[in-house]
Amino acid sequence: MNKVILFFLMVFSMIHSVFAQHEEEEKGSFKRENIFIGTALNVGFSSGVFQIGANPEIGYSITRWLDAGISTNLNYTSFRYTGFSDRVFNYGGGTFVRIWPVRFLFITGQPEYNWITVTRKFTNGSLSLRSNVNAGSILLGAGYGNRIVGQAYSYFAILFDALENINSPYRDEENRALPIFRAGFAIYLRPGDQR
């Protein structure tokens, strides 16, 4: 948990310094061509676990190396264990930040909140159980992408849930973090000049 807090303190201090630099470069300037919309598809798997999902998002390129925005998620996960299997559907929303230290690599953080429906089926023919839970998640990861601010971008990323919430859709029954492989793309609403 201390690593998560440290990570967010570093991210927020970087964002603060970015805003300070941005104000020096172009005071009070909002550029419509820096707004983007996109989506990502993600797949996660582990022994007896399969996950697929979509993550629509809208964001803003604050600088040439920093994006931030809001995202939503829809996920389906299947868990198979001895004696039962779980089918999990969740939806949620949150924010994201992507820091591009070089043009083709980025690190990302995505805190989100999820509403989850779990259906448990037993192999012995017993009645199925259904429950609803909520859980917060903080997805942290890194990726590779092609990004031209004002035009379009695409990326591939690997993320993990840094919180240890047993109800998270990104953790298995034993509370182990599942790797999330995500591929995404976005287009800018008003294409501009290449930067």
Protein backbone atom coordinates (compact mmCIF):
# COMPACT_ATOMS: atom_id res chain seq x y z
CA MET A 1 0.00 0.00 0.00
CA ASN A 2 2.92 2.35 0.73
CA LYS A 3 4.16 1.83 -2.84
CA VAL A 4 0.76 2.88 -4.19
CA ILE A 5 0.76 6.04 -2.06
CA LEU A 6 4.33 6.83 -3.12
CA PHE A 7 3.43 6.30 -6.78
CA PHE A 8 0.48 8.69 -6.56
CA LEU A 9 2.52 11.32 -4.73
CA MET A 10 5.09 11.15 -7.55
CA VAL A 11 2.38 11.36 -10.23
CA PHE A 12 0.67 14.32 -8.57
CA SER A 13 3.97 16.17 -8.10
CA MET A 14 4.77 15.60 -11.78
CA ILE A 15 1.32 16.82 -12.80
CA HIS A 16 1.78 19.91 -10.64
CA SER A 17 5.11 20.70 -12.29
CA VAL A 18 3.59 20.05 -15.72
CA PHE A 19 0.79 22.53 -15.08
CA ALA A 20 3.36 25.09 -13.96
CA GLN A 21 5.38 24.55 -17.17
CA HIS A 22 2.23 24.60 -19.28
CA GLU A 23 1.20 27.96 -17.84
CA GLU A 24 4.61 29.40 -18.72
CA GLU A 25 4.37 28.09 -22.30
CA GLU A 26 0.79 29.21 -23.07
CA LYS A 27 -0.96 31.01 -20.26
CA GLY A 28 -4.70 30.33 -20.18
CA SER A 29 -4.70 28.51 -23.50
CA PHE A 30 -7.18 25.69 -24.01
CA LYS A 31 -6.82 23.87 -27.32
CA ARG A 32 -9.83 21.98 -28.62
CA GLU A 33 -7.55 19.96 -30.89
CA ASN A 34 -6.01 18.37 -27.77
CA ILE A 35 -9.28 16.62 -26.82
CA PHE A 36 -9.39 12.96 -27.83
CA ILE A 37 -11.85 10.08 -27.66
CA GLY A 38 -10.97 6.45 -27.92
CA THR A 39 -11.31 3.00 -26.53
CA ALA A 40 -9.19 0.08 -25.49
CA LEU A 41 -9.81 -3.63 -25.51
CA ASN A 42 -8.28 -5.66 -22.74
CA VAL A 43 -7.67 -9.33 -22.14
CA GLY A 44 -6.50 -10.94 -18.92
CA PHE A 45 -5.79 -14.53 -18.11
CA SER A 46 -4.26 -16.82 -15.56
CA SER A 47 -4.68 -20.45 -14.56
CA GLY A 48 -8.45 -21.05 -14.75
CA VAL A 49 -9.20 -17.36 -15.40
CA PHE A 50 -10.17 -15.48 -18.56
CA GLN A 51 -11.15 -11.82 -18.88
CA ILE A 52 -12.21 -9.59 -21.76
CA GLY A 53 -13.33 -5.98 -21.65
CA ALA A 54 -13.65 -2.58 -23.28
CA ASN A 55 -12.62 0.82 -21.91
CA PRO A 56 -14.11 3.87 -23.69
CA GLU A 57 -12.38 7.11 -22.72
CA ILE A 58 -12.24 10.84 -23.33
CA GLY A 59 -9.11 12.79 -22.52
CA TYR A 60 -6.99 15.84 -23.04
CA SER A 61 -3.31 16.13 -24.00
CA ILE A 62 -2.12 18.65 -21.42
CA THR A 63 1.39 18.76 -22.84
CA ARG A 64 3.38 16.86 -25.40
CA TRP A 65 4.11 14.24 -22.75
CA LEU A 66 1.04 14.15 -20.47
CA ASP A 67 -2.53 12.95 -21.10
CA ALA A 68 -5.35 12.82 -18.56
CA GLY A 69 -9.03 12.04 -18.77
CA ILE A 70 -12.00 9.97 -17.70
CA SER A 71 -12.71 6.39 -18.65
CA THR A 72 -15.40 3.78 -18.30
CA ASN A 73 -15.10 0.02 -18.33
CA LEU A 74 -17.15 -3.05 -19.14
CA ASN A 75 -15.62 -6.42 -18.29
CA TYR A 76 -16.58 -10.08 -18.37
CA THR A 77 -14.49 -12.55 -16.36
CA SER A 78 -14.73 -16.32 -16.02
CA PHE A 79 -13.13 -18.18 -13.07
CA ARG A 80 -12.98 -22.00 -13.00
CA TYR A 81 -12.19 -23.80 -9.76
CA THR A 82 -12.66 -27.29 -8.38
CA GLY A 83 -16.33 -27.61 -7.47
CA PHE A 84 -17.60 -24.30 -8.88
CA SER A 85 -17.16 -21.60 -11.48
CA ASP A 86 -17.83 -17.87 -11.33
CA ARG A 87 -19.06 -15.62 -14.11
CA VAL A 88 -18.41 -11.97 -13.34
CA PHE A 89 -19.77 -8.92 -15.16
CA ASN A 90 -18.69 -5.46 -14.09
CA TYR A 91 -18.94 -1.88 -15.17
CA GLY A 92 -17.29 1.16 -13.73
CA GLY A 93 -15.62 4.47 -14.25
CA GLY A 94 -12.67 6.52 -13.21
CA THR A 95 -9.83 8.71 -14.36
CA PHE A 96 -6.52 8.05 -16.03
CA VAL A 97 -3.16 9.68 -16.53
CA ARG A 98 -0.50 8.72 -19.08
CA ILE A 99 3.02 10.09 -18.88
CA TRP A 100 5.09 9.77 -22.07
CA PRO A 101 8.77 10.19 -21.01
CA VAL A 102 9.78 9.38 -24.61
CA ARG A 103 7.60 9.59 -27.70
CA PHE A 104 6.85 5.85 -27.88
CA LEU A 105 6.79 4.70 -24.20
CA PHE A 106 4.42 5.65 -21.39
CA ILE A 107 3.52 4.84 -17.80
CA THR A 108 -0.09 4.98 -16.73
CA GLY A 109 -2.29 5.08 -13.66
CA GLN A 110 -6.05 4.52 -13.64
CA PRO A 111 -8.03 4.68 -10.39
CA GLU A 112 -11.56 3.41 -10.90
CA TYR A 113 -14.65 2.20 -9.07
CA ASN A 114 -16.49 -0.95 -10.17
CA TRP A 115 -20.00 -2.34 -9.75
CA ILE A 116 -19.80 -6.13 -10.00
CA THR A 117 -22.31 -8.96 -10.43
CA VAL A 118 -21.06 -12.48 -9.65
CA THR A 119 -22.91 -15.66 -10.62
CA ARG A 120 -21.51 -18.83 -9.02
CA LYS A 121 -22.40 -22.23 -10.49
CA PHE A 122 -21.58 -25.46 -8.68
CA THR A 123 -20.49 -28.58 -10.57
CA ASN A 124 -22.64 -30.85 -8.37
CA GLY A 125 -25.86 -29.31 -9.75
CA SER A 126 -26.72 -27.18 -6.70
CA LEU A 127 -28.58 -23.93 -7.20
CA SER A 128 -26.57 -21.02 -8.56
CA LEU A 129 -25.74 -18.09 -6.31
CA ARG A 130 -25.80 -14.47 -7.43
CA SER A 131 -24.30 -11.52 -5.58
CA ASN A 132 -23.50 -7.87 -6.17
CA VAL A 133 -20.38 -6.17 -4.81
CA ASN A 134 -18.49 -2.91 -5.35
CA ALA A 135 -14.74 -2.44 -5.43
CA GLY A 136 -12.14 0.20 -6.09
CA SER A 137 -9.11 -0.53 -8.25
CA ILE A 138 -5.93 1.29 -9.12
CA LEU A 139 -4.49 0.00 -12.38
CA LEU A 140 -0.79 0.75 -12.85
CA GLY A 141 1.28 -0.17 -15.85
CA ALA A 142 3.41 0.76 -18.80
CA GLY A 143 3.06 0.60 -22.53
CA TYR A 144 4.29 1.23 -26.01
CA GLY A 145 2.50 3.48 -28.45
CA ASN A 146 2.46 5.78 -31.43
CA ARG A 147 1.13 9.20 -30.44
CA ILE A 148 0.88 12.44 -32.41
CA VAL A 149 -0.87 15.10 -30.34
CA GLY A 150 -3.70 16.65 -32.33
CA GLN A 151 -4.01 13.71 -34.75
CA ALA A 152 -4.31 10.16 -33.38
CA TYR A 153 -2.61 7.53 -31.30
CA SER A 154 -2.58 3.82 -30.61
CA TYR A 155 -0.96 1.83 -27.85
CA PHE A 156 -0.38 -1.52 -26.17
CA ALA A 157 -0.06 -1.69 -22.37
CA ILE A 158 0.29 -4.17 -19.52
CA LEU A 159 -1.41 -3.21 -16.25
CA PHE A 160 -1.93 -4.67 -12.77
CA ASP A 161 -4.36 -3.74 -9.99
CA ALA A 162 -2.24 -2.27 -7.18
CA LEU A 163 -4.98 -2.41 -4.53
CA GLU A 164 -5.49 -5.66 -2.69
CA ASN A 165 -9.30 -5.57 -2.70
CA ILE A 166 -10.54 -9.19 -2.93
CA ASN A 167 -13.67 -7.99 -4.80
CA SER A 168 -11.68 -6.30 -7.57
CA PRO A 169 -12.49 -7.60 -11.06
CA TYR A 170 -8.73 -7.65 -11.73
CA ARG A 171 -7.91 -10.20 -8.99
CA ASP A 172 -8.54 -13.91 -8.75
CA GLU A 173 -10.22 -15.88 -5.94
CA GLU A 174 -6.92 -16.00 -4.02
CA ASN A 175 -6.50 -12.19 -4.36
CA ARG A 176 -3.62 -12.45 -6.84
CA ALA A 177 -3.39 -9.60 -9.36
CA LEU A 178 -4.26 -10.68 -12.90
CA PRO A 179 -2.17 -9.19 -15.70
CA ILE A 180 -4.27 -6.99 -17.99
CA PHE A 181 -3.15 -6.74 -21.61
CA ARG A 182 -4.72 -3.68 -23.21
CA ALA A 183 -4.63 -2.38 -26.78
CA GLY A 184 -6.20 0.98 -27.51
CA PHE A 185 -6.57 3.79 -29.98
CA ALA A 186 -7.87 7.35 -29.96
CA ILE A 187 -8.61 10.13 -32.38
CA TYR A 188 -8.45 13.83 -31.67
CA LEU A 189 -11.72 15.66 -32.17
CA ARG A 190 -10.22 18.42 -34.24
CA PRO A 191 -7.03 17.24 -35.95
CA GLY A 192 -4.30 19.85 -35.82
CA ASP A 193 -0.67 20.24 -36.77
CA GLN A 194 1.86 17.59 -35.80
CA ARG A 195 3.93 18.37 -32.69
